[in-house]
């Protein structure tokens, strides 16, 4: 199934996102494209289970159970049988829900992409909207670039959020605007930002970009057959400690997953540790070196 030219894209995860997508279906109809989270996908009981995409699919096909998840009227004979055989059933799947996952596992084993498998399963349920997960289409790619920018910027300074932080981005933005206006210093709202803060913000941003380049390069070398947008999205998400994914993470080789783990560790400690290190190294000096003029650009 090809992407629609005037698609309305909804990012959905969990029950709330699935309900929102169902409401949007009544508004936009066949133009709806729901991009769902695949971070919780797992292989279990011989099936490939995609909790969030399946939940969206069941809601959009009006087949969801009154509990708000699973297929309406589903039974649990297989789970009961597994318990009788002594299996520790920690992930309770309905019989038809399990059949959904088994069929998806067969399609994936035959070479289908996750989105292609979900397209076929959704079509069997009479689904009109699309729920892409792994394959990226033009309308979705635009949204992914916006999400990547937000993940790279991250949250507030001093918070547990990842990214270079909003304050860092704001300081750099003010410095750029002040330079464009021909001002000798960075100014905003009637206040001047010290040069030392601009240097620190620039150091954090450039080092984060350098680490992002190395992570993306490592994934390109170890994860063959993946598109540049998929690799870049996974890299930014890992550095930003966001956890978002285009759906390729479970299928990446061990080397690629090790790179992502390291990127998440660096992303959590990197900016804050770097700022503290730069602050600790700051020492007042009793002199200033001579000024040298260079050509820029």
Protein backbone atom coordinates (compact mmCIF):
# COMPACT_ATOMS: atom_id res chain seq x y z
CA UNK A 1 0.00 0.00 0.00
CA UNK A 2 1.47 3.37 -1.05
CA UNK A 3 1.49 6.47 1.17
CA UNK A 4 -1.29 8.98 0.57
CA UNK A 5 -0.36 12.42 -0.74
CA UNK A 6 -2.47 14.28 1.84
CA UNK A 7 -1.94 11.96 4.77
CA UNK A 8 -2.72 13.13 8.30
CA UNK A 9 -0.04 11.64 10.58
CA UNK A 10 -0.76 10.78 14.22
CA UNK A 11 2.00 9.61 16.58
CA UNK A 12 0.36 7.12 18.93
CA UNK A 13 1.45 4.90 21.79
CA UNK A 14 -0.57 3.22 24.53
CA UNK A 15 -4.32 3.21 25.06
CA UNK A 16 -4.62 6.99 24.98
CA UNK A 17 -2.86 7.23 21.63
CA UNK A 18 -4.99 4.44 20.17
CA UNK A 19 -8.19 6.20 21.29
CA UNK A 20 -6.96 9.46 19.77
CA UNK A 21 -6.23 7.67 16.49
CA UNK A 22 -9.74 6.16 16.48
CA UNK A 23 -11.25 9.60 16.96
CA UNK A 24 -9.11 11.04 14.18
CA UNK A 25 -10.32 8.27 11.87
CA UNK A 26 -13.84 9.69 12.12
CA UNK A 27 -12.51 13.12 11.15
CA UNK A 28 -10.03 12.44 8.32
CA UNK A 29 -11.07 8.96 7.17
CA UNK A 30 -8.75 7.15 4.77
CA UNK A 31 -6.13 9.92 4.94
CA UNK A 32 -5.14 8.83 8.45
CA UNK A 33 -1.65 7.38 8.99
CA UNK A 34 -0.87 6.27 12.55
CA UNK A 35 2.84 5.98 13.44
CA UNK A 36 2.99 3.64 16.42
CA UNK A 37 5.67 2.76 18.95
CA UNK A 38 7.51 -0.55 18.47
CA UNK A 39 9.83 -0.24 21.46
CA UNK A 40 7.83 -2.85 23.39
CA UNK A 41 7.83 -5.48 20.62
CA UNK A 42 8.92 -8.94 21.71
CA UNK A 43 9.17 -12.52 20.51
CA UNK A 44 7.17 -14.85 22.75
CA UNK A 45 5.20 -18.12 22.38
CA UNK A 46 6.49 -18.35 18.80
CA UNK A 47 4.80 -15.07 17.90
CA UNK A 48 6.05 -11.58 17.14
CA UNK A 49 3.99 -9.38 19.46
CA UNK A 50 3.68 -5.64 18.75
CA UNK A 51 1.55 -4.33 21.64
CA UNK A 52 1.15 -0.69 20.56
CA UNK A 53 0.66 -1.21 16.79
CA UNK A 54 -1.78 -4.05 17.49
CA UNK A 55 -3.69 -1.91 19.98
CA UNK A 56 -4.01 0.87 17.39
CA UNK A 57 -5.07 -1.67 14.77
CA UNK A 58 -7.79 -3.16 16.99
CA UNK A 59 -9.14 0.29 17.87
CA UNK A 60 -9.11 1.52 14.27
CA UNK A 61 -10.85 -1.66 13.07
CA UNK A 62 -13.47 -1.39 15.86
CA UNK A 63 -12.40 -4.82 17.09
CA UNK A 64 -10.99 -3.82 20.49
CA UNK A 65 -12.31 -5.50 23.63
CA UNK A 66 -14.36 -3.55 26.17
CA UNK A 67 -11.34 -3.66 28.48
CA UNK A 68 -9.64 -1.23 26.08
CA UNK A 69 -7.05 -3.71 24.80
CA UNK A 70 -7.02 -7.06 22.98
CA UNK A 71 -9.60 -8.37 20.55
CA UNK A 72 -13.26 -8.33 21.49
CA UNK A 73 -14.59 -11.68 22.68
CA UNK A 74 -11.16 -13.29 22.71
CA UNK A 75 -10.52 -16.46 24.74
CA UNK A 76 -7.42 -17.63 26.61
CA UNK A 77 -7.39 -21.38 26.04
CA UNK A 78 -3.74 -21.42 24.90
CA UNK A 79 -2.56 -19.49 27.98
CA UNK A 80 -4.55 -21.82 30.24
CA UNK A 81 -2.99 -24.80 28.45
CA UNK A 82 0.50 -23.39 28.93
CA UNK A 83 -0.12 -22.88 32.63
CA UNK A 84 -1.33 -26.47 32.89
CA UNK A 85 1.95 -27.57 31.35
CA UNK A 86 3.90 -25.66 33.98
CA UNK A 87 4.81 -22.62 31.90
CA UNK A 88 5.16 -19.35 33.79
CA UNK A 89 2.76 -17.23 31.74
CA UNK A 90 3.72 -13.65 32.54
CA UNK A 91 2.46 -12.16 29.25
CA UNK A 92 -1.22 -13.04 28.90
CA UNK A 93 -2.34 -13.14 25.25
CA UNK A 94 -5.77 -14.01 23.93
CA UNK A 95 -6.02 -16.85 21.42
CA UNK A 96 -6.81 -14.65 18.42
CA UNK A 97 -4.32 -12.04 19.62
CA UNK A 98 -1.72 -14.79 19.67
CA UNK A 99 -2.75 -15.86 16.16
CA UNK A 100 -2.19 -12.25 15.09
CA UNK A 101 1.39 -12.44 16.38
CA UNK A 102 2.06 -15.89 14.92
CA UNK A 103 0.97 -14.75 11.47
CA UNK A 104 3.15 -11.65 11.76
CA UNK A 105 6.14 -13.81 12.72
CA UNK A 106 5.54 -15.91 9.58
CA UNK A 107 5.41 -12.81 7.36
CA UNK A 108 8.58 -11.39 8.90
CA UNK A 109 10.38 -14.72 8.47
CA UNK A 110 9.37 -14.64 4.80
CA UNK A 111 11.13 -11.30 4.37
CA UNK A 112 8.32 -8.80 4.91
CA UNK A 113 8.97 -5.54 6.74
CA UNK A 114 7.10 -4.91 9.97
CA UNK A 115 4.87 -2.30 8.34
CA UNK A 116 4.10 -4.64 5.43
CA UNK A 117 3.12 -7.41 7.84
CA UNK A 118 0.86 -5.05 9.78
CA UNK A 119 -0.70 -3.82 6.53
CA UNK A 120 -1.74 -7.37 5.66
CA UNK A 121 -3.05 -8.09 9.15
CA UNK A 122 -4.96 -4.82 9.23
CA UNK A 123 -6.45 -5.51 5.82
CA UNK A 124 -7.76 -8.85 7.13
CA UNK A 125 -9.57 -6.93 9.88
CA UNK A 126 -11.02 -4.43 7.41
CA UNK A 127 -8.75 -1.59 8.49
CA UNK A 128 -8.89 1.60 6.39
CA UNK A 129 -6.14 3.68 8.05
CA UNK A 130 -2.44 2.81 7.93
CA UNK A 131 -0.26 1.98 10.93
CA UNK A 132 3.35 2.17 9.66
CA UNK A 133 6.09 1.16 12.05
CA UNK A 134 9.39 0.28 10.40
CA UNK A 135 9.12 1.44 6.77
CA UNK A 136 9.37 5.22 6.40
CA UNK A 137 7.22 7.18 3.97
CA UNK A 138 7.65 10.78 2.82
CA UNK A 139 4.95 12.32 5.08
CA UNK A 140 6.36 10.41 8.04
CA UNK A 141 9.98 11.37 7.33
CA UNK A 142 9.18 15.06 7.66
CA UNK A 143 7.70 14.45 11.10
CA UNK A 144 10.69 12.31 12.10
CA UNK A 145 13.11 15.15 11.35
CA UNK A 146 11.07 17.45 13.59
CA UNK A 147 11.12 14.81 16.34
CA UNK A 148 14.89 14.38 15.92
CA UNK A 149 15.42 18.12 16.37
CA UNK A 150 13.33 18.09 19.55
CA UNK A 151 15.18 15.02 20.90
CA UNK A 152 18.56 16.63 20.21
CA UNK A 153 17.56 19.83 22.04
CA UNK A 154 16.11 17.85 24.93
CA UNK A 155 14.63 19.19 28.17
CA UNK A 156 15.38 21.84 30.77
CA UNK A 157 18.86 22.36 32.17
CA UNK A 158 19.48 20.37 35.35
CA UNK A 159 16.58 18.01 34.62
CA UNK A 160 16.79 14.27 33.98
CA UNK A 161 15.86 14.82 30.33
CA UNK A 162 18.49 14.20 27.66
CA UNK A 163 19.71 16.37 24.80
CA UNK A 164 21.88 19.47 24.85
CA UNK A 165 19.12 21.18 26.92
CA UNK A 166 16.79 24.04 26.09
CA UNK A 167 18.96 26.68 27.76
CA UNK A 168 21.98 25.65 25.69
CA UNK A 169 19.97 25.91 22.49
CA UNK A 170 18.49 29.25 23.57
CA UNK A 171 21.88 30.76 24.34
CA UNK A 172 23.22 29.71 20.94
CA UNK A 173 20.09 31.06 19.21
CA UNK A 174 20.46 34.41 20.99
CA UNK A 175 24.14 34.57 20.04
CA UNK A 176 23.33 33.90 16.37
CA UNK A 177 20.57 36.53 16.28
CA UNK A 178 22.77 39.10 18.02
CA UNK A 179 25.56 38.44 15.51
CA UNK A 180 23.13 38.82 12.61
CA UNK A 181 22.02 42.18 14.04
CA UNK A 182 25.62 43.37 14.30
CA UNK A 183 25.69 43.57 18.09
CA UNK A 184 29.03 43.15 19.89
CA UNK A 185 27.55 40.83 22.52
CA UNK A 186 24.65 38.41 22.86
CA UNK A 187 21.62 40.26 24.15
CA UNK A 188 18.04 39.23 24.89
CA UNK A 189 15.19 40.87 26.81
CA UNK A 190 17.39 43.78 27.83
CA UNK A 191 20.11 41.58 29.29
CA UNK A 192 23.57 40.63 28.07
CA UNK A 193 24.76 37.01 28.15
CA UNK A 194 28.40 36.59 29.28
CA UNK A 195 30.78 35.27 26.64
CA UNK A 196 31.82 32.39 28.92
CA UNK A 197 28.25 30.99 28.83
CA UNK A 198 28.24 31.17 25.05
CA UNK A 199 31.55 29.29 24.92
CA UNK A 200 30.16 26.58 27.20
CA UNK A 201 26.95 26.28 25.20
CA UNK A 202 28.93 26.06 21.97
CA UNK A 203 31.21 23.39 23.46
CA UNK A 204 28.26 21.26 24.58
CA UNK A 205 26.51 21.56 21.20
CA UNK A 206 29.58 20.84 19.07
CA UNK A 207 30.72 17.90 21.20
CA UNK A 208 27.19 16.46 21.12
CA UNK A 209 27.16 16.77 17.33
CA UNK A 210 30.56 15.07 17.17
CA UNK A 211 29.34 12.16 19.32
CA UNK A 212 26.16 11.94 17.21
CA UNK A 213 28.30 11.72 14.07
CA UNK A 214 30.36 8.88 15.56
CA UNK A 215 27.28 6.96 16.73
CA UNK A 216 25.56 7.31 13.35
CA UNK A 217 28.77 6.26 11.58
CA UNK A 218 29.08 3.22 13.84
CA UNK A 219 25.50 2.17 13.09
CA UNK A 220 26.02 2.64 9.36
CA UNK A 221 29.08 0.36 9.50
CA UNK A 222 27.46 -2.34 11.64
CA UNK A 223 23.79 -2.26 10.57
CA UNK A 224 23.71 -2.83 6.84
CA UNK A 225 20.52 -2.46 4.85
CA UNK A 226 19.06 0.34 6.97
CA UNK A 227 18.12 3.74 5.59
CA UNK A 228 20.00 6.87 6.65
CA UNK A 229 16.89 8.33 8.31
CA UNK A 230 16.35 5.19 10.39
CA UNK A 231 19.99 5.15 11.52
CA UNK A 232 20.00 8.86 12.30
CA UNK A 233 16.73 8.63 14.25
CA UNK A 234 18.04 5.76 16.39
CA UNK A 235 21.29 7.67 17.02
CA UNK A 236 19.56 10.88 18.11
CA UNK A 237 17.06 8.97 20.24
CA UNK A 238 19.84 7.10 22.04
CA UNK A 239 21.90 10.24 22.70
CA UNK A 240 18.80 12.06 23.88
CA UNK A 241 17.88 9.07 26.12
CA UNK A 242 14.36 9.26 24.68
CA UNK A 243 13.65 5.61 23.86
CA UNK A 244 11.82 6.33 20.61
CA UNK A 245 12.50 4.02 17.67
CA UNK A 246 11.51 3.49 14.05
CA UNK A 247 11.22 -0.21 14.85
CA UNK A 248 14.64 -1.40 13.72
CA UNK A 249 16.29 -1.70 17.14
CA UNK A 250 15.22 -5.30 17.94
CA UNK A 251 16.60 -6.49 14.59
CA UNK A 252 19.97 -4.72 14.85
CA UNK A 253 23.11 -6.85 15.29
CA UNK A 254 24.78 -7.03 18.68
CA UNK A 255 27.47 -4.53 17.70
CA UNK A 256 24.87 -1.92 16.75
CA UNK A 257 22.93 -2.45 19.95
CA UNK A 258 26.14 -2.09 21.96
CA UNK A 259 26.77 1.24 20.22
CA UNK A 260 23.25 2.41 21.13
CA UNK A 261 23.75 1.37 24.76
CA UNK A 262 27.00 3.33 24.92
CA UNK A 263 25.32 6.31 23.24
CA UNK A 264 22.56 6.32 25.87
CA UNK A 265 25.14 6.25 28.65
CA UNK A 266 27.11 9.11 27.10
CA UNK A 267 23.92 11.04 26.41
CA UNK A 268 22.81 10.78 30.03
CA UNK A 269 26.13 11.83 31.53
CA UNK A 270 27.72 13.82 28.70
CA UNK A 271 26.23 17.36 28.67
CA UNK A 272 25.85 17.73 32.44
CA UNK A 273 29.29 16.27 33.17
CA UNK A 274 30.86 18.45 30.48
CA UNK A 275 29.32 21.64 31.86
CA UNK A 276 30.45 20.79 35.39
CA UNK A 277 33.95 20.06 34.11
CA UNK A 278 34.11 23.33 32.20
CA UNK A 279 32.84 25.26 35.22
CA UNK A 280 35.36 23.61 37.53
CA UNK A 281 38.26 24.42 35.18
CA UNK A 282 37.36 28.11 34.92
CA UNK A 283 40.12 30.19 36.56
CA UNK A 284 40.47 33.99 36.63
CA UNK A 285 43.61 35.28 34.88
CA UNK A 286 45.45 38.53 35.49
CA UNK A 287 46.22 39.19 31.82
CA UNK A 288 44.77 38.89 28.35
CA UNK A 289 46.65 37.65 25.26
CA UNK A 290 46.95 39.89 22.25
CA UNK A 291 43.99 39.96 19.84
CA UNK A 292 44.32 38.33 16.44
CA UNK A 293 41.83 38.93 13.62
CA UNK A 294 40.80 36.00 11.42
CA UNK A 295 38.61 35.76 8.35
CA UNK A 296 35.40 33.83 9.02
CA UNK A 297 33.35 32.18 6.29
